Amino acid sequence: QGLALKPGPQIGELLAAIHLAQAEGLVGSREEALEWVKRQL
């Protein structure tokens, strides 16, 4: 939701990157995660 990404391997890569960012303390909420992903794209 909110990113208009098509299904595919990129989704899995982004989810893995979000989990890593959470573990590193870079994101703490859904909103922060969405903003983080937008900056990565």
PDB file of N, CA and C in Angstrom:
ATOM      1  N   GLN A   1       0.832  -1.189   0.000  1.00  0.00           N
ATOM      2  CA  GLN A   1       0.000   0.000   0.000  1.00  0.00           C
ATOM      3  C   GLN A   1       0.867   1.240   0.000  1.00  0.00           C
ATOM      4  N   GLY A   2       0.505   2.182  -0.853  1.00  0.00           N
ATOM      5  CA  GLY A   2       1.190   3.450  -0.867  1.00  0.00           C
ATOM      6  C   GLY A   2       2.426   3.506  -1.736  1.00  0.00           C
ATOM      7  N   LEU A   3       2.893   2.372  -2.254  1.00  0.00           N
ATOM      8  CA  LEU A   3       4.106   2.380  -3.061  1.00  0.00           C
ATOM      9  C   LEU A   3       3.873   1.949  -4.500  1.00  0.00           C
ATOM     10  N   ALA A   4       2.758   1.326  -4.776  1.00  0.00           N
ATOM     11  CA  ALA A   4       2.396   0.883  -6.126  1.00  0.00           C
ATOM     12  C   ALA A   4       3.487   0.020  -6.759  1.00  0.00           C
ATOM     13  N   LEU A   5       4.002  -0.931  -5.999  1.00  0.00           N
ATOM     14  CA  LEU A   5       5.002  -1.849  -6.530  1.00  0.00           C
ATOM     15  C   LEU A   5       4.321  -3.089  -7.083  1.00  0.00           C
ATOM     16  N   LYS A   6       4.875  -3.607  -8.172  1.00  0.00           N
ATOM     17  CA  LYS A   6       4.348  -4.830  -8.759  1.00  0.00           C
ATOM     18  C   LYS A   6       4.927  -6.031  -8.017  1.00  0.00           C
ATOM     19  N   PRO A   7       4.157  -7.125  -7.953  1.00  0.00           N
ATOM     20  CA  PRO A   7       4.681  -8.337  -7.314  1.00  0.00           C
ATOM     21  C   PRO A   7       5.950  -8.808  -8.021  1.00  0.00           C
ATOM     22  N   GLY A   8       6.874  -9.321  -7.255  1.00  0.00           N
ATOM     23  CA  GLY A   8       8.106  -9.828  -7.836  1.00  0.00           C
ATOM     24  C   GLY A   8       9.207  -9.904  -6.804  1.00  0.00           C
ATOM     25  N   PRO A   9      10.396 -10.268  -7.241  1.00  0.00           N
ATOM     26  CA  PRO A   9      11.517 -10.441  -6.322  1.00  0.00           C
ATOM     27  C   PRO A   9      11.903  -9.158  -5.586  1.00  0.00           C
ATOM     28  N   GLN A  10      11.638  -8.010  -6.197  1.00  0.00           N
ATOM     29  CA  GLN A  10      11.998  -6.740  -5.564  1.00  0.00           C
ATOM     30  C   GLN A  10      11.277  -6.567  -4.224  1.00  0.00           C
ATOM     31  N   ILE A  11      10.054  -7.064  -4.124  1.00  0.00           N
ATOM     32  CA  ILE A  11       9.294  -6.959  -2.872  1.00  0.00           C
ATOM     33  C   ILE A  11      10.021  -7.702  -1.753  1.00  0.00           C
ATOM     34  N   GLY A  12      10.459  -8.906  -2.035  1.00  0.00           N
ATOM     35  CA  GLY A  12      11.186  -9.684  -1.034  1.00  0.00           C
ATOM     36  C   GLY A  12      12.486  -9.015  -0.621  1.00  0.00           C
ATOM     37  N   GLU A  13      13.187  -8.433  -1.593  1.00  0.00           N
ATOM     38  CA  GLU A  13      14.431  -7.730  -1.290  1.00  0.00           C
ATOM     39  C   GLU A  13      14.162  -6.512  -0.414  1.00  0.00           C
ATOM     40  N   LEU A  14      13.098  -5.785  -0.711  1.00  0.00           N
ATOM     41  CA  LEU A  14      12.752  -4.613   0.100  1.00  0.00           C
ATOM     42  C   LEU A  14      12.355  -5.008   1.517  1.00  0.00           C
ATOM     43  N   LEU A  15      11.592  -6.087   1.648  1.00  0.00           N
ATOM     44  CA  LEU A  15      11.200  -6.552   2.983  1.00  0.00           C
ATOM     45  C   LEU A  15      12.422  -6.953   3.805  1.00  0.00           C
ATOM     46  N   ALA A  16      13.361  -7.628   3.175  1.00  0.00           N
ATOM     47  CA  ALA A  16      14.584  -8.014   3.879  1.00  0.00           C
ATOM     48  C   ALA A  16      15.367  -6.774   4.299  1.00  0.00           C
ATOM     49  N   ALA A  17      15.419  -5.779   3.419  1.00  0.00           N
ATOM     50  CA  ALA A  17      16.133  -4.544   3.740  1.00  0.00           C
ATOM     51  C   ALA A  17      15.440  -3.786   4.870  1.00  0.00           C
ATOM     52  N   ILE A  18      14.106  -3.807   4.886  1.00  0.00           N
ATOM     53  CA  ILE A  18      13.356  -3.152   5.968  1.00  0.00           C
ATOM     54  C   ILE A  18      13.640  -3.846   7.291  1.00  0.00           C
ATOM     55  N   HIS A  19      13.656  -5.167   7.293  1.00  0.00           N
ATOM     56  CA  HIS A  19      13.955  -5.908   8.525  1.00  0.00           C
ATOM     57  C   HIS A  19      15.350  -5.561   9.039  1.00  0.00           C
ATOM     58  N   LEU A  20      16.305  -5.440   8.138  1.00  0.00           N
ATOM     59  CA  LEU A  20      17.658  -5.062   8.534  1.00  0.00           C
ATOM     60  C   LEU A  20      17.672  -3.637   9.094  1.00  0.00           C
ATOM     61  N   ALA A  21      16.956  -2.731   8.426  1.00  0.00           N
ATOM     62  CA  ALA A  21      16.883  -1.347   8.902  1.00  0.00           C
ATOM     63  C   ALA A  21      16.241  -1.280  10.287  1.00  0.00           C
ATOM     64  N   GLN A  22      15.248  -2.121  10.530  1.00  0.00           N
ATOM     65  CA  GLN A  22      14.623  -2.178  11.857  1.00  0.00           C
ATOM     66  C   GLN A  22      15.630  -2.670  12.893  1.00  0.00           C
ATOM     67  N   ALA A  23      16.371  -3.697  12.549  1.00  0.00           N
ATOM     68  CA  ALA A  23      17.357  -4.253  13.478  1.00  0.00           C
ATOM     69  C   ALA A  23      18.451  -3.236  13.802  1.00  0.00           C
ATOM     70  N   GLU A  24      18.755  -2.371  12.831  1.00  0.00           N
ATOM     71  CA  GLU A  24      19.781  -1.347  13.024  1.00  0.00           C
ATOM     72  C   GLU A  24      19.225  -0.095  13.693  1.00  0.00           C
ATOM     73  N   GLY A  25      17.914  -0.082  13.930  1.00  0.00           N
ATOM     74  CA  GLY A  25      17.294   1.063  14.588  1.00  0.00           C
ATOM     75  C   GLY A  25      17.008   2.233  13.668  1.00  0.00           C
ATOM     76  N   LEU A  26      17.046   1.999  12.357  1.00  0.00           N
ATOM     77  CA  LEU A  26      16.803   3.079  11.400  1.00  0.00           C
ATOM     78  C   LEU A  26      15.324   3.379  11.220  1.00  0.00           C
ATOM     79  N   VAL A  27      14.478   2.376  11.425  1.00  0.00           N
ATOM     80  CA  VAL A  27      13.027   2.560  11.332  1.00  0.00           C
ATOM     81  C   VAL A  27      12.373   1.889  12.532  1.00  0.00           C
ATOM     82  N   GLY A  28      11.296   2.500  13.009  1.00  0.00           N
ATOM     83  CA  GLY A  28      10.626   1.946  14.174  1.00  0.00           C
ATOM     84  C   GLY A  28       9.131   1.805  14.007  1.00  0.00           C
ATOM     85  N   SER A  29       8.596   2.410  12.949  1.00  0.00           N
ATOM     86  CA  SER A  29       7.158   2.351  12.725  1.00  0.00           C
ATOM     87  C   SER A  29       6.890   2.062  11.254  1.00  0.00           C
ATOM     88  N   ARG A  30       5.648   1.763  10.953  1.00  0.00           N
ATOM     89  CA  ARG A  30       5.247   1.509   9.564  1.00  0.00           C
ATOM     90  C   ARG A  30       5.516   2.743   8.714  1.00  0.00           C
ATOM     91  N   GLU A  31       5.183   3.913   9.249  1.00  0.00           N
ATOM     92  CA  GLU A  31       5.369   5.158   8.509  1.00  0.00           C
ATOM     93  C   GLU A  31       6.850   5.408   8.217  1.00  0.00           C
ATOM     94  N   GLU A  32       7.693   5.166   9.214  1.00  0.00           N
ATOM     95  CA  GLU A  32       9.129   5.329   9.006  1.00  0.00           C
ATOM     96  C   GLU A  32       9.641   4.338   7.969  1.00  0.00           C
ATOM     97  N   ALA A  33       9.120   3.126   7.995  1.00  0.00           N
ATOM     98  CA  ALA A  33       9.532   2.112   7.022  1.00  0.00           C
ATOM     99  C   ALA A  33       9.133   2.524   5.611  1.00  0.00           C
ATOM    100  N   LEU A  34       7.928   3.056   5.448  1.00  0.00           N
ATOM    101  CA  LEU A  34       7.490   3.510   4.122  1.00  0.00           C
ATOM    102  C   LEU A  34       8.373   4.642   3.613  1.00  0.00           C
ATOM    103  N   GLU A  35       8.695   5.592   4.465  1.00  0.00           N
ATOM    104  CA  GLU A  35       9.568   6.698   4.064  1.00  0.00           C
ATOM    105  C   GLU A  35      10.958   6.185   3.710  1.00  0.00           C
ATOM    106  N   TRP A  36      11.453   5.228   4.485  1.00  0.00           N
ATOM    107  CA  TRP A  36      12.764   4.651   4.225  1.00  0.00           C
ATOM    108  C   TRP A  36      12.787   3.978   2.851  1.00  0.00           C
ATOM    109  N   VAL A  37      11.729   3.199   2.551  1.00  0.00           N
ATOM    110  CA  VAL A  37      11.646   2.516   1.254  1.00  0.00           C
ATOM    111  C   VAL A  37      11.594   3.534   0.122  1.00  0.00           C
ATOM    112  N   LYS A  38      10.812   4.589   0.284  1.00  0.00           N
ATOM    113  CA  LYS A  38      10.721   5.615  -0.766  1.00  0.00           C
ATOM    114  C   LYS A  38      12.086   6.222  -1.057  1.00  0.00           C
ATOM    115  N   ARG A  39      12.894   6.414  -0.024  1.00  0.00           N
ATOM    116  CA  ARG A  39      14.237   6.975  -0.229  1.00  0.00           C
ATOM    117  C   ARG A  39      15.152   5.977  -0.935  1.00  0.00           C
ATOM    118  N   GLN A  40      14.894   4.685  -0.761  1.00  0.00           N
ATOM    119  CA  GLN A  40      15.736   3.656  -1.371  1.00  0.00           C
ATOM    120  C   GLN A  40      15.424   3.455  -2.855  1.00  0.00           C
ATOM    121  N   LEU A  41      14.215   3.779  -3.256  1.00  0.00           N
ATOM    122  CA  LEU A  41      13.800   3.527  -4.650  1.00  0.00           C
ATOM    123  C   LEU A  41      14.276   4.579  -5.597  1.00  0.00           C
TER     124      LEU A  41
END
